[in-house]
Amino acid sequence: MVTWAQAHGLDVKNLPIEALWQTNQPPPDWLGIQIKPSTEPPGLFVEKVITERSAAQAGIQPHDVIVRFNAHEVHDPETLFRLVGVAAIGTTVDVDIIHDGQRRTIRVTLGKRPVSRP
């Protein structure tokens, strides 16, 4: 079976084979955030958090910086998209963020991407 990530041309060769998402459903909801790269601190700056999506429910807020997702460092949106794309809906992952200058780990349960964007 081809994973969603493989079917959509995402580079998954650096992830362990057991991490590949084996379903025909659309990918998880991309956490329900809008992000851009951050250099200080290095990671992904959260520009917007969409209400009632996984990130908002877990406590991620605008101006947080995501530095790790499920034990993988993230420095660009493509890496985060790849990691979310291979995680199963309903999986709870650790997301390390910088919030008000302090590093924190937040547990996020991935949800299903809505049919239309909010």
C-alpha atoms as a PDB file:
ATOM      1  CA  MET A   1       0.000   0.000   0.000  1.00  0.00           C
ATOM      2  CA  VAL A   2       1.247   3.500  -0.832  1.00  0.00           C
ATOM      3  CA  THR A   3       1.083   6.055   1.962  1.00  0.00           C
ATOM      4  CA  TRP A   4      -0.608   9.412   1.523  1.00  0.00           C
ATOM      5  CA  ALA A   5       2.786  11.120   1.813  1.00  0.00           C
ATOM      6  CA  GLN A   6       4.331   8.932  -0.893  1.00  0.00           C
ATOM      7  CA  ALA A   7       1.335   9.378  -3.200  1.00  0.00           C
ATOM      8  CA  HIS A   8       1.764  13.134  -2.952  1.00  0.00           C
ATOM      9  CA  GLY A   9       5.502  13.116  -3.633  1.00  0.00           C
ATOM     10  CA  LEU A  10       6.693  13.911  -0.119  1.00  0.00           C
ATOM     11  CA  ASP A  11      10.214  12.850   0.809  1.00  0.00           C
ATOM     12  CA  VAL A  12       9.769  10.216   3.483  1.00  0.00           C
ATOM     13  CA  LYS A  13      13.051   8.346   3.018  1.00  0.00           C
ATOM     14  CA  ASN A  14      14.519   9.779   6.226  1.00  0.00           C
ATOM     15  CA  LEU A  15      11.680   8.531   8.402  1.00  0.00           C
ATOM     16  CA  PRO A  16      11.526   5.001   9.792  1.00  0.00           C
ATOM     17  CA  ILE A  17       9.301   2.720   7.735  1.00  0.00           C
ATOM     18  CA  GLU A  18       6.985   2.124  10.692  1.00  0.00           C
ATOM     19  CA  ALA A  19       6.231   5.855  10.754  1.00  0.00           C
ATOM     20  CA  LEU A  20       4.652   5.869   7.304  1.00  0.00           C
ATOM     21  CA  TRP A  21       0.968   6.603   7.364  1.00  0.00           C
ATOM     22  CA  GLN A  22      -0.998   3.671   5.898  1.00  0.00           C
ATOM     23  CA  THR A  23      -4.440   5.092   5.114  1.00  0.00           C
ATOM     24  CA  ASN A  24      -6.434   6.499   2.219  1.00  0.00           C
ATOM     25  CA  GLN A  25      -7.847   9.368   4.298  1.00  0.00           C
ATOM     26  CA  PRO A  26      -6.632  12.946   3.808  1.00  0.00           C
ATOM     27  CA  PRO A  27      -3.713  14.032   5.979  1.00  0.00           C
ATOM     28  CA  PRO A  28      -4.151  15.291   9.532  1.00  0.00           C
ATOM     29  CA  ASP A  29      -5.218  18.875   9.921  1.00  0.00           C
ATOM     30  CA  TRP A  30      -1.758  20.405   9.678  1.00  0.00           C
ATOM     31  CA  LEU A  31      -2.281  21.242  13.317  1.00  0.00           C
ATOM     32  CA  GLY A  32      -4.566  24.144  12.424  1.00  0.00           C
ATOM     33  CA  ILE A  33      -1.815  26.760  12.319  1.00  0.00           C
ATOM     34  CA  GLN A  34      -0.216  29.202   9.909  1.00  0.00           C
ATOM     35  CA  ILE A  35       3.569  29.290  10.260  1.00  0.00           C
ATOM     36  CA  LYS A  36       6.714  30.796   8.819  1.00  0.00           C
ATOM     37  CA  PRO A  37      10.397  30.028   9.415  1.00  0.00           C
ATOM     38  CA  SER A  38      12.047  31.679  12.416  1.00  0.00           C
ATOM     39  CA  THR A  39      15.775  32.248  12.826  1.00  0.00           C
ATOM     40  CA  GLU A  40      15.777  33.419  16.443  1.00  0.00           C
ATOM     41  CA  PRO A  41      14.952  31.093  17.975  1.00  0.00           C
ATOM     42  CA  PRO A  42      15.350  28.635  15.095  1.00  0.00           C
ATOM     43  CA  GLY A  43      12.104  26.849  14.307  1.00  0.00           C
ATOM     44  CA  LEU A  44       8.660  27.777  12.992  1.00  0.00           C
ATOM     45  CA  PHE A  45       6.971  30.983  14.100  1.00  0.00           C
ATOM     46  CA  VAL A  46       3.215  30.518  14.661  1.00  0.00           C
ATOM     47  CA  GLU A  47       1.438  33.399  12.926  1.00  0.00           C
ATOM     48  CA  LYS A  48      -2.134  32.183  13.448  1.00  0.00           C
ATOM     49  CA  VAL A  49      -3.879  29.411  15.365  1.00  0.00           C
ATOM     50  CA  ILE A  50      -7.219  28.266  13.980  1.00  0.00           C
ATOM     51  CA  THR A  51      -9.906  27.935  16.650  1.00  0.00           C
ATOM     52  CA  GLU A  52     -11.021  24.418  17.574  1.00  0.00           C
ATOM     53  CA  ARG A  53      -8.160  22.663  15.743  1.00  0.00           C
ATOM     54  CA  SER A  54      -5.508  20.438  17.302  1.00  0.00           C
ATOM     55  CA  ALA A  55      -2.969  23.181  18.056  1.00  0.00           C
ATOM     56  CA  ALA A  56      -5.525  25.480  19.683  1.00  0.00           C
ATOM     57  CA  GLN A  57      -6.957  22.666  21.789  1.00  0.00           C
ATOM     58  CA  ALA A  58      -3.443  21.779  22.999  1.00  0.00           C
ATOM     59  CA  GLY A  59      -2.587  25.368  23.930  1.00  0.00           C
ATOM     60  CA  ILE A  60      -0.299  26.490  21.090  1.00  0.00           C
ATOM     61  CA  GLN A  61      -0.665  30.250  20.641  1.00  0.00           C
ATOM     62  CA  PRO A  62       0.269  32.893  18.061  1.00  0.00           C
ATOM     63  CA  HIS A  63       3.906  34.009  18.474  1.00  0.00           C
ATOM     64  CA  ASP A  64       4.998  30.600  19.804  1.00  0.00           C
ATOM     65  CA  VAL A  65       7.927  29.021  17.949  1.00  0.00           C
ATOM     66  CA  ILE A  66       7.723  25.301  17.192  1.00  0.00           C
ATOM     67  CA  VAL A  67      11.195  23.745  17.498  1.00  0.00           C
ATOM     68  CA  ARG A  68      10.457  19.980  17.546  1.00  0.00           C
ATOM     69  CA  PHE A  69       7.606  17.779  16.395  1.00  0.00           C
ATOM     70  CA  ASN A  70       7.467  14.200  17.630  1.00  0.00           C
ATOM     71  CA  ALA A  71      11.217  14.162  18.480  1.00  0.00           C
ATOM     72  CA  HIS A  72      12.257  15.711  15.133  1.00  0.00           C
ATOM     73  CA  GLU A  73      13.694  19.216  14.855  1.00  0.00           C
ATOM     74  CA  VAL A  74      11.761  21.483  12.494  1.00  0.00           C
ATOM     75  CA  HIS A  75      13.263  24.492  10.748  1.00  0.00           C
ATOM     76  CA  ASP A  76      11.040  24.788   7.697  1.00  0.00           C
ATOM     77  CA  PRO A  77       7.342  24.306   6.927  1.00  0.00           C
ATOM     78  CA  GLU A  78       8.053  21.418   4.534  1.00  0.00           C
ATOM     79  CA  THR A  79       9.617  19.340   7.314  1.00  0.00           C
ATOM     80  CA  LEU A  80       6.649  19.909   9.613  1.00  0.00           C
ATOM     81  CA  PHE A  81       4.231  19.092   6.786  1.00  0.00           C
ATOM     82  CA  ARG A  82       6.108  15.853   6.086  1.00  0.00           C
ATOM     83  CA  LEU A  83       6.072  14.840   9.749  1.00  0.00           C
ATOM     84  CA  VAL A  84       2.382  15.630  10.205  1.00  0.00           C
ATOM     85  CA  GLY A  85       1.612  13.875   6.910  1.00  0.00           C
ATOM     86  CA  VAL A  86       3.005  10.562   8.107  1.00  0.00           C
ATOM     87  CA  ALA A  87       1.350  10.653  11.531  1.00  0.00           C
ATOM     88  CA  ALA A  88      -2.008   8.937  11.949  1.00  0.00           C
ATOM     89  CA  ILE A  89      -5.140  10.866  12.805  1.00  0.00           C
ATOM     90  CA  GLY A  90      -5.758  10.487  16.534  1.00  0.00           C
ATOM     91  CA  THR A  91      -2.055  10.128  17.345  1.00  0.00           C
ATOM     92  CA  THR A  92      -0.820  12.198  20.276  1.00  0.00           C
ATOM     93  CA  VAL A  93       2.607  13.724  19.671  1.00  0.00           C
ATOM     94  CA  ASP A  94       4.991  15.909  21.638  1.00  0.00           C
ATOM     95  CA  VAL A  95       5.500  19.373  20.182  1.00  0.00           C
ATOM     96  CA  ASP A  96       8.306  21.445  21.690  1.00  0.00           C
ATOM     97  CA  ILE A  97       7.693  25.175  21.549  1.00  0.00           C
ATOM     98  CA  ILE A  98       9.235  28.386  22.773  1.00  0.00           C
ATOM     99  CA  HIS A  99       6.515  30.392  24.546  1.00  0.00           C
ATOM    100  CA  ASP A 100       7.390  33.742  26.132  1.00  0.00           C
ATOM    101  CA  GLY A 101      11.076  32.791  26.020  1.00  0.00           C
ATOM    102  CA  GLN A 102      10.567  29.455  27.796  1.00  0.00           C
ATOM    103  CA  ARG A 103      10.840  26.037  26.160  1.00  0.00           C
ATOM    104  CA  ARG A 104       7.802  23.810  26.786  1.00  0.00           C
ATOM    105  CA  THR A 105       6.571  20.461  25.536  1.00  0.00           C
ATOM    106  CA  ILE A 106       2.910  20.294  24.590  1.00  0.00           C
ATOM    107  CA  ARG A 107       1.008  17.072  23.828  1.00  0.00           C
ATOM    108  CA  VAL A 108      -1.079  17.477  20.678  1.00  0.00           C
ATOM    109  CA  THR A 109      -3.641  14.968  19.417  1.00  0.00           C
ATOM    110  CA  LEU A 110      -3.812  15.167  15.630  1.00  0.00           C
ATOM    111  CA  GLY A 111      -7.249  15.609  14.123  1.00  0.00           C
ATOM    112  CA  LYS A 112      -8.666  15.262  10.649  1.00  0.00           C
ATOM    113  CA  ARG A 113      -8.251  18.084   8.158  1.00  0.00           C
ATOM    114  CA  PRO A 114     -11.585  19.847   7.589  1.00  0.00           C
ATOM    115  CA  VAL A 115     -13.081  19.516   4.107  1.00  0.00           C
ATOM    116  CA  SER A 116     -12.911  23.275   3.583  1.00  0.00           C
ATOM    117  CA  ARG A 117     -10.450  25.708   5.097  1.00  0.00           C
ATOM    118  CA  PRO A 118     -11.798  27.834   7.958  1.00  0.00           C
END
